Amino acid sequence: MTYYELHDIWYQDLVDKGYVSWDRDKDLKSINDQSIAKSIKYFIEKYDIDCKGSTSLDLGCGTGNVALILDDLGFSSSGIDISNVAIVQANKNSEELSKNIKFETRDLLKDIATSK
């Protein structure tokens, strides 16, 4: 068993149950109502961040919720996760919302270990 195999099992269970995110959303309409979305928006407003033209990289993006939220706010977003099941769903979510977000399956711990 790989150290991340449980993530694929959990994500596959969510997908099999019809969820589109780790947060057990049944559709993508509720993503911007999640507490993480509200927190992100709060800090962007608090620090008067101009999102237009900014980029974001969501490490451990799962099904892509944060990248999707940031894209809605004007960021050019992308995401990386170790779970291919999650990345497949993230790409489906991006496509369903007509986004151009690049999600990619990567093992960053392996990348770091091999770069030494």
Protein backbone atom coordinates (compact mmCIF):
# COMPACT_ATOMS: atom_id res chain seq x y z
CA MET A 1 0.00 0.00 0.00
CA THR A 2 1.32 3.44 -0.92
CA TYR A 3 1.18 6.24 1.64
CA TYR A 4 -1.50 8.03 -0.35
CA GLU A 5 -3.65 5.08 -1.43
CA LEU A 6 -6.32 5.92 1.16
CA HIS A 7 -6.89 9.28 -0.52
CA ASP A 8 -7.81 7.56 -3.77
CA ILE A 9 -10.11 5.18 -1.88
CA TRP A 10 -11.84 8.08 -0.08
CA TYR A 11 -12.18 10.17 -3.22
CA GLN A 12 -13.51 7.20 -5.19
CA ASP A 13 -16.09 6.57 -2.45
CA LEU A 14 -17.22 10.21 -2.71
CA VAL A 15 -17.43 10.04 -6.50
CA ASP A 16 -19.36 6.77 -6.31
CA LYS A 17 -21.87 8.47 -4.00
CA GLY A 18 -22.35 11.32 -6.47
CA TYR A 19 -20.35 14.01 -4.65
CA VAL A 20 -18.31 16.51 -6.66
CA SER A 21 -16.05 17.56 -3.78
CA TRP A 22 -14.34 16.46 -0.59
CA ASP A 23 -16.92 18.60 1.24
CA ARG A 24 -19.67 16.29 -0.01
CA ASP A 25 -21.25 18.80 -2.36
CA LYS A 26 -23.72 17.25 -4.76
CA ASP A 27 -23.35 20.11 -7.23
CA LEU A 28 -20.94 22.94 -7.89
CA LYS A 29 -23.42 25.74 -7.20
CA SER A 30 -22.66 25.65 -3.49
CA ILE A 31 -18.86 26.01 -3.77
CA ASN A 32 -18.95 29.79 -3.33
CA ASP A 33 -21.14 29.38 -0.23
CA GLN A 34 -18.60 27.21 1.60
CA SER A 35 -16.78 28.61 4.63
CA ILE A 36 -13.43 28.42 2.79
CA ALA A 37 -14.83 30.61 0.01
CA LYS A 38 -16.13 33.11 2.53
CA SER A 39 -12.76 33.16 4.30
CA ILE A 40 -10.83 33.69 1.07
CA LYS A 41 -13.15 36.53 0.06
CA TYR A 42 -12.86 38.09 3.52
CA PHE A 43 -9.06 38.23 3.39
CA ILE A 44 -8.99 39.49 -0.19
CA GLU A 45 -11.30 42.32 0.81
CA LYS A 46 -9.51 42.98 4.12
CA TYR A 47 -6.11 43.36 2.45
CA ASP A 48 -7.55 44.98 -0.69
CA ILE A 49 -5.90 42.41 -2.96
CA ASP A 50 -6.25 42.99 -6.70
CA CYS A 51 -6.82 39.49 -8.02
CA LYS A 52 -6.98 40.36 -11.69
CA GLY A 53 -3.91 38.98 -13.43
CA SER A 54 -2.68 37.19 -10.29
CA THR A 55 -1.87 33.49 -10.30
CA SER A 56 -2.57 30.80 -7.72
CA LEU A 57 -1.28 27.28 -7.27
CA ASP A 58 -3.35 25.06 -5.00
CA LEU A 59 -1.11 22.33 -3.59
CA GLY A 60 -3.16 19.37 -2.43
CA CYS A 61 -6.11 20.73 -4.39
CA GLY A 62 -8.30 17.67 -4.14
CA THR A 63 -11.39 18.25 -6.26
CA GLY A 64 -10.34 21.82 -7.02
CA ASN A 65 -12.70 23.91 -4.89
CA VAL A 66 -10.17 26.55 -3.82
CA ALA A 67 -8.76 26.93 -7.33
CA LEU A 68 -12.32 27.29 -8.66
CA ILE A 69 -13.12 29.93 -6.04
CA LEU A 70 -9.92 31.86 -6.76
CA ASP A 71 -10.61 31.69 -10.49
CA ASP A 72 -14.02 33.28 -9.85
CA LEU A 73 -12.22 36.10 -8.05
CA GLY A 74 -9.92 36.80 -10.99
CA PHE A 75 -6.89 34.60 -10.36
CA SER A 76 -5.39 32.39 -13.04
CA SER A 77 -5.48 29.15 -11.07
CA SER A 78 -4.00 25.68 -11.24
CA GLY A 79 -3.89 22.76 -8.84
CA ILE A 80 -1.84 19.71 -7.95
CA ASP A 81 -2.85 16.65 -5.94
CA ILE A 82 -1.45 13.17 -5.41
CA SER A 83 -4.83 11.53 -5.96
CA ASN A 84 -5.60 10.87 -9.60
CA VAL A 85 -9.25 10.23 -8.66
CA ALA A 86 -9.44 13.73 -7.17
CA ILE A 87 -7.74 15.29 -10.20
CA VAL A 88 -10.14 13.58 -12.59
CA GLN A 89 -13.03 15.09 -10.59
CA ALA A 90 -11.31 18.50 -10.40
CA ASN A 91 -10.99 18.55 -14.18
CA LYS A 92 -14.66 17.55 -14.53
CA ASN A 93 -15.62 20.34 -12.14
CA SER A 94 -13.53 22.84 -14.09
CA GLU A 95 -15.07 21.74 -17.37
CA GLU A 96 -18.61 21.85 -15.97
CA LEU A 97 -18.04 25.45 -14.87
CA SER A 98 -16.38 26.33 -18.21
CA LYS A 99 -13.09 27.17 -16.51
CA ASN A 100 -9.63 26.89 -17.97
CA ILE A 101 -7.91 25.58 -14.85
CA LYS A 102 -5.07 23.09 -15.16
CA PHE A 103 -5.23 20.29 -12.58
CA GLU A 104 -2.43 17.76 -12.48
CA THR A 105 -1.63 14.57 -10.58
CA ARG A 106 1.80 14.88 -8.93
CA ASP A 107 3.58 13.30 -5.97
CA LEU A 108 5.37 16.36 -4.62
CA LEU A 109 7.12 14.39 -1.88
CA LYS A 110 8.61 12.10 -4.50
CA ASP A 111 9.56 15.11 -6.61
CA ILE A 112 11.36 16.69 -3.65
CA ALA A 113 13.15 13.45 -2.75
CA THR A 114 14.41 12.91 -6.29
CA SER A 115 15.56 16.50 -6.71
CA LYS A 116 18.22 16.20 -3.98
